Amino acid sequence: MAKKTQETGTPALKVLTAAGIAHTPRPYDHAAHDGFGDEAVRALRAGGLDVDEHRVFKTLLADVDGALVCAVVPVAGMLDLKALAAAAGGKRAAMADPARAQRSSGYVVGGISPLGQKTALPTFVDSSAQRFDTVLVSAGRRGLQVELSPADLAVATGARFTDLAR
């Protein structure tokens, strides 16, 4: 039996494959220990992929009034916590404790994907994603992004598009 590669074996990619959603895994050499989104953009460019930092999205877990939610925003921007709280129907949002984010998602920080999380969370994608034919998000491990259409990302995660980035 052939051994599955990491590119096809993450929960995120398995969700996309099972749903029949067109996607392209985009592996890259991971070396940094922080600034994971910026690293992904630099490494993908170094690998020959012409990618705009506004088209690569980071996945952030936040606590809104005691409940975790998932926010997907461009690497080039910052998450507006007030906008996220409003989108989630809450009053106050704060970044989730990294250990709690890892337990909930089943992924490590720097590799948290909005897809295939252990615990499905309400998911919000910055509306800027809709300007692109495809976007890139973490595929569930450091050093691996997945490219797919924003509409398919929303379908696969049950996400709602809203203005989240500043």
C-alpha atoms as a PDB file:
ATOM      1  CA  MET A   1       0.000   0.000   0.000  1.00  0.00           C
ATOM      2  CA  ALA A   2       1.321   3.437  -0.919  1.00  0.00           C
ATOM      3  CA  LYS A   3       2.111   5.750   1.942  1.00  0.00           C
ATOM      4  CA  LYS A   4       0.022   8.936   1.996  1.00  0.00           C
ATOM      5  CA  THR A   5       1.971  12.159   1.776  1.00  0.00           C
ATOM      6  CA  GLN A   6       1.416  15.067   4.108  1.00  0.00           C
ATOM      7  CA  GLU A   7       0.110  17.086   1.163  1.00  0.00           C
ATOM      8  CA  THR A   8      -2.859  14.750   0.766  1.00  0.00           C
ATOM      9  CA  GLY A   9      -3.219  13.653   4.354  1.00  0.00           C
ATOM     10  CA  THR A  10      -4.206  16.697   6.371  1.00  0.00           C
ATOM     11  CA  PRO A  11      -7.789  16.891   7.640  1.00  0.00           C
ATOM     12  CA  ALA A  12      -8.203  20.129   5.661  1.00  0.00           C
ATOM     13  CA  LEU A  13      -7.288  18.508   2.361  1.00  0.00           C
ATOM     14  CA  LYS A  14      -9.337  15.416   3.143  1.00  0.00           C
ATOM     15  CA  VAL A  15     -12.423  17.620   3.659  1.00  0.00           C
ATOM     16  CA  LEU A  16     -11.906  19.292   0.286  1.00  0.00           C
ATOM     17  CA  THR A  17     -11.299  16.003  -1.520  1.00  0.00           C
ATOM     18  CA  ALA A  18     -14.327  14.328   0.076  1.00  0.00           C
ATOM     19  CA  ALA A  19     -16.528  17.279  -0.924  1.00  0.00           C
ATOM     20  CA  GLY A  20     -15.224  17.240  -4.504  1.00  0.00           C
ATOM     21  CA  ILE A  21     -13.979  20.819  -4.170  1.00  0.00           C
ATOM     22  CA  ALA A  22     -11.274  21.860  -6.637  1.00  0.00           C
ATOM     23  CA  HIS A  23      -8.096  22.813  -4.799  1.00  0.00           C
ATOM     24  CA  THR A  24      -4.348  22.912  -5.248  1.00  0.00           C
ATOM     25  CA  PRO A  25      -1.959  22.102  -2.371  1.00  0.00           C
ATOM     26  CA  ARG A  26       0.902  24.623  -2.249  1.00  0.00           C
ATOM     27  CA  PRO A  27       3.784  23.250  -0.149  1.00  0.00           C
ATOM     28  CA  TYR A  28       6.730  25.437   0.790  1.00  0.00           C
ATOM     29  CA  ASP A  29       9.830  25.211   2.974  1.00  0.00           C
ATOM     30  CA  HIS A  30       8.893  26.226   6.503  1.00  0.00           C
ATOM     31  CA  ALA A  31      11.653  27.750   8.620  1.00  0.00           C
ATOM     32  CA  ALA A  32      10.281  30.665  10.664  1.00  0.00           C
ATOM     33  CA  HIS A  33       8.922  30.380  14.179  1.00  0.00           C
ATOM     34  CA  ASP A  34       6.589  33.357  13.989  1.00  0.00           C
ATOM     35  CA  GLY A  35       5.098  35.519  11.287  1.00  0.00           C
ATOM     36  CA  PHE A  36       3.767  32.358   9.653  1.00  0.00           C
ATOM     37  CA  GLY A  37       1.615  34.182   7.092  1.00  0.00           C
ATOM     38  CA  ASP A  38       4.426  36.450   5.963  1.00  0.00           C
ATOM     39  CA  GLU A  39       6.712  33.430   5.769  1.00  0.00           C
ATOM     40  CA  ALA A  40       4.207  31.618   3.546  1.00  0.00           C
ATOM     41  CA  VAL A  41       4.035  34.558   1.125  1.00  0.00           C
ATOM     42  CA  ARG A  42       7.846  34.872   0.946  1.00  0.00           C
ATOM     43  CA  ALA A  43       8.397  31.125   0.543  1.00  0.00           C
ATOM     44  CA  LEU A  44       5.682  30.688  -2.080  1.00  0.00           C
ATOM     45  CA  ARG A  45       7.146  33.584  -4.070  1.00  0.00           C
ATOM     46  CA  ALA A  46      10.642  32.102  -3.727  1.00  0.00           C
ATOM     47  CA  GLY A  47       9.212  28.838  -5.040  1.00  0.00           C
ATOM     48  CA  GLY A  48       8.007  30.586  -8.190  1.00  0.00           C
ATOM     49  CA  LEU A  49       4.333  31.216  -7.347  1.00  0.00           C
ATOM     50  CA  ASP A  50       3.277  34.772  -8.166  1.00  0.00           C
ATOM     51  CA  VAL A  51       1.180  35.451  -5.063  1.00  0.00           C
ATOM     52  CA  ASP A  52      -0.100  38.704  -3.616  1.00  0.00           C
ATOM     53  CA  GLU A  53      -0.045  39.054   0.191  1.00  0.00           C
ATOM     54  CA  HIS A  54      -3.680  40.189  -0.018  1.00  0.00           C
ATOM     55  CA  ARG A  55      -4.627  36.809  -1.536  1.00  0.00           C
ATOM     56  CA  VAL A  56      -2.978  34.709   1.187  1.00  0.00           C
ATOM     57  CA  PHE A  57      -5.186  34.468   4.272  1.00  0.00           C
ATOM     58  CA  LYS A  58      -4.352  33.631   7.863  1.00  0.00           C
ATOM     59  CA  THR A  59      -6.643  31.698  10.172  1.00  0.00           C
ATOM     60  CA  LEU A  60      -7.136  33.182  13.624  1.00  0.00           C
ATOM     61  CA  LEU A  61      -9.201  31.777  16.463  1.00  0.00           C
ATOM     62  CA  ALA A  62     -10.792  34.285  18.783  1.00  0.00           C
ATOM     63  CA  ASP A  63     -12.945  34.205  21.880  1.00  0.00           C
ATOM     64  CA  VAL A  64     -16.206  36.113  21.483  1.00  0.00           C
ATOM     65  CA  ASP A  65     -18.059  36.395  24.778  1.00  0.00           C
ATOM     66  CA  GLY A  66     -16.613  33.043  25.914  1.00  0.00           C
ATOM     67  CA  ALA A  67     -17.133  31.100  22.675  1.00  0.00           C
ATOM     68  CA  LEU A  68     -14.484  30.361  20.065  1.00  0.00           C
ATOM     69  CA  VAL A  69     -14.927  31.577  16.505  1.00  0.00           C
ATOM     70  CA  CYS A  70     -12.693  31.359  13.438  1.00  0.00           C
ATOM     71  CA  ALA A  71     -11.629  34.460  11.499  1.00  0.00           C
ATOM     72  CA  VAL A  72      -9.905  34.297   8.108  1.00  0.00           C
ATOM     73  CA  VAL A  73      -8.171  37.539   7.131  1.00  0.00           C
ATOM     74  CA  PRO A  74      -5.474  38.574   4.634  1.00  0.00           C
ATOM     75  CA  VAL A  75      -1.878  38.199   5.729  1.00  0.00           C
ATOM     76  CA  ALA A  76      -1.436  41.840   4.663  1.00  0.00           C
ATOM     77  CA  GLY A  77      -4.047  43.008   7.185  1.00  0.00           C
ATOM     78  CA  MET A  78      -4.922  42.767  10.842  1.00  0.00           C
ATOM     79  CA  LEU A  79      -8.045  41.332  12.421  1.00  0.00           C
ATOM     80  CA  ASP A  80     -10.447  43.978  13.699  1.00  0.00           C
ATOM     81  CA  LEU A  81     -11.698  42.359  16.913  1.00  0.00           C
ATOM     82  CA  LYS A  82     -14.641  44.758  17.246  1.00  0.00           C
ATOM     83  CA  ALA A  83     -15.798  43.864  13.733  1.00  0.00           C
ATOM     84  CA  LEU A  84     -15.451  40.163  14.528  1.00  0.00           C
ATOM     85  CA  ALA A  85     -17.466  40.509  17.740  1.00  0.00           C
ATOM     86  CA  ALA A  86     -20.220  42.317  15.832  1.00  0.00           C
ATOM     87  CA  ALA A  87     -20.210  39.713  13.038  1.00  0.00           C
ATOM     88  CA  ALA A  88     -20.492  36.926  15.612  1.00  0.00           C
ATOM     89  CA  GLY A  89     -23.330  38.699  17.420  1.00  0.00           C
ATOM     90  CA  GLY A  90     -21.217  39.336  20.498  1.00  0.00           C
ATOM     91  CA  LYS A  91     -19.989  42.273  22.502  1.00  0.00           C
ATOM     92  CA  ARG A  92     -16.306  41.555  23.050  1.00  0.00           C
ATOM     93  CA  ALA A  93     -13.658  39.595  21.163  1.00  0.00           C
ATOM     94  CA  ALA A  94     -10.108  38.696  22.115  1.00  0.00           C
ATOM     95  CA  MET A  95      -7.550  36.431  20.531  1.00  0.00           C
ATOM     96  CA  ALA A  96      -7.920  32.860  21.782  1.00  0.00           C
ATOM     97  CA  ASP A  97      -5.300  31.356  24.045  1.00  0.00           C
ATOM     98  CA  PRO A  98      -2.941  29.430  21.702  1.00  0.00           C
ATOM     99  CA  ALA A  99      -3.294  26.187  23.676  1.00  0.00           C
ATOM    100  CA  ARG A 100      -7.083  26.437  23.519  1.00  0.00           C
ATOM    101  CA  ALA A 101      -6.922  27.185  19.783  1.00  0.00           C
ATOM    102  CA  GLN A 102      -4.762  24.109  19.211  1.00  0.00           C
ATOM    103  CA  ARG A 103      -7.041  21.834  21.277  1.00  0.00           C
ATOM    104  CA  SER A 104     -10.163  23.068  19.518  1.00  0.00           C
ATOM    105  CA  SER A 105      -8.805  22.987  15.968  1.00  0.00           C
ATOM    106  CA  GLY A 106      -6.581  19.930  16.188  1.00  0.00           C
ATOM    107  CA  TYR A 107      -3.833  21.921  14.467  1.00  0.00           C
ATOM    108  CA  VAL A 108      -0.681  23.634  15.744  1.00  0.00           C
ATOM    109  CA  VAL A 109      -0.360  27.411  15.792  1.00  0.00           C
ATOM    110  CA  GLY A 110       1.058  28.489  12.452  1.00  0.00           C
ATOM    111  CA  GLY A 111      -0.746  25.604  10.759  1.00  0.00           C
ATOM    112  CA  ILE A 112      -4.334  26.171  11.847  1.00  0.00           C
ATOM    113  CA  SER A 113      -6.639  25.773   8.880  1.00  0.00           C
ATOM    114  CA  PRO A 114     -10.222  26.983   8.667  1.00  0.00           C
ATOM    115  CA  LEU A 115     -10.930  23.597   7.042  1.00  0.00           C
ATOM    116  CA  GLY A 116     -11.236  20.253   8.808  1.00  0.00           C
ATOM    117  CA  GLN A 117     -11.029  21.550  12.348  1.00  0.00           C
ATOM    118  CA  LYS A 118     -11.607  19.024  15.112  1.00  0.00           C
ATOM    119  CA  THR A 119     -14.398  21.222  16.491  1.00  0.00           C
ATOM    120  CA  ALA A 120     -16.367  23.093  13.836  1.00  0.00           C
ATOM    121  CA  LEU A 121     -16.553  26.778  14.736  1.00  0.00           C
ATOM    122  CA  PRO A 122     -18.573  29.672  13.373  1.00  0.00           C
ATOM    123  CA  THR A 123     -16.299  30.977  10.615  1.00  0.00           C
ATOM    124  CA  PHE A 124     -16.011  34.466   9.172  1.00  0.00           C
ATOM    125  CA  VAL A 125     -13.947  35.298   6.082  1.00  0.00           C
ATOM    126  CA  ASP A 126     -12.920  38.852   5.289  1.00  0.00           C
ATOM    127  CA  SER A 127     -14.993  40.080   2.365  1.00  0.00           C
ATOM    128  CA  SER A 128     -11.827  41.081   0.467  1.00  0.00           C
ATOM    129  CA  ALA A 129     -11.435  37.400  -0.443  1.00  0.00           C
ATOM    130  CA  GLN A 130     -14.306  37.790  -2.890  1.00  0.00           C
ATOM    131  CA  ARG A 131     -12.149  40.064  -5.093  1.00  0.00           C
ATOM    132  CA  PHE A 132      -9.993  37.084  -6.112  1.00  0.00           C
ATOM    133  CA  ASP A 133     -10.625  34.014  -8.259  1.00  0.00           C
ATOM    134  CA  THR A 134      -8.634  31.972  -5.732  1.00  0.00           C
ATOM    135  CA  VAL A 135      -7.195  32.501  -2.264  1.00  0.00           C
ATOM    136  CA  LEU A 136      -4.685  30.552  -0.212  1.00  0.00           C
ATOM    137  CA  VAL A 137      -5.238  29.385   3.363  1.00  0.00           C
ATOM    138  CA  SER A 138      -3.374  26.999   5.608  1.00  0.00           C
ATOM    139  CA  ALA A 139      -3.896  23.383   4.625  1.00  0.00           C
ATOM    140  CA  GLY A 140      -3.397  22.186   8.181  1.00  0.00           C
ATOM    141  CA  ARG A 141       0.316  22.180   8.792  1.00  0.00           C
ATOM    142  CA  ARG A 142       3.173  24.638   8.741  1.00  0.00           C
ATOM    143  CA  GLY A 143       4.673  24.700   5.271  1.00  0.00           C
ATOM    144  CA  LEU A 144       1.476  23.866   3.398  1.00  0.00           C
ATOM    145  CA  GLN A 145      -1.148  26.183   1.948  1.00  0.00           C
ATOM    146  CA  VAL A 146      -4.133  25.240  -0.181  1.00  0.00           C
ATOM    147  CA  GLU A 147      -5.446  27.319  -3.063  1.00  0.00           C
ATOM    148  CA  LEU A 148      -9.190  27.339  -3.740  1.00  0.00           C
ATOM    149  CA  SER A 149     -11.977  29.694  -4.687  1.00  0.00           C
ATOM    150  CA  PRO A 150     -13.364  31.939  -1.936  1.00  0.00           C
ATOM    151  CA  ALA A 151     -16.866  30.590  -2.634  1.00  0.00           C
ATOM    152  CA  ASP A 152     -15.656  27.012  -2.137  1.00  0.00           C
ATOM    153  CA  LEU A 153     -13.880  28.044   1.071  1.00  0.00           C
ATOM    154  CA  ALA A 154     -17.157  29.464   2.358  1.00  0.00           C
ATOM    155  CA  VAL A 155     -19.078  26.331   1.397  1.00  0.00           C
ATOM    156  CA  ALA A 156     -16.527  23.972   2.968  1.00  0.00           C
ATOM    157  CA  THR A 157     -16.420  25.911   6.256  1.00  0.00           C
ATOM    158  CA  GLY A 158     -19.970  27.264   6.414  1.00  0.00           C
ATOM    159  CA  ALA A 159     -18.374  30.704   6.542  1.00  0.00           C
ATOM    160  CA  ARG A 160     -19.945  34.085   6.157  1.00  0.00           C
ATOM    161  CA  PHE A 161     -18.156  36.913   4.327  1.00  0.00           C
ATOM    162  CA  THR A 162     -17.869  40.137   6.309  1.00  0.00           C
ATOM    163  CA  ASP A 163     -15.464  43.064   6.734  1.00  0.00           C
ATOM    164  CA  LEU A 164     -12.932  41.894   9.334  1.00  0.00           C
ATOM    165  CA  ALA A 165      -9.557  43.307   8.320  1.00  0.00           C
ATOM    166  CA  ARG A 166      -8.029  46.710   8.835  1.00  0.00           C
END
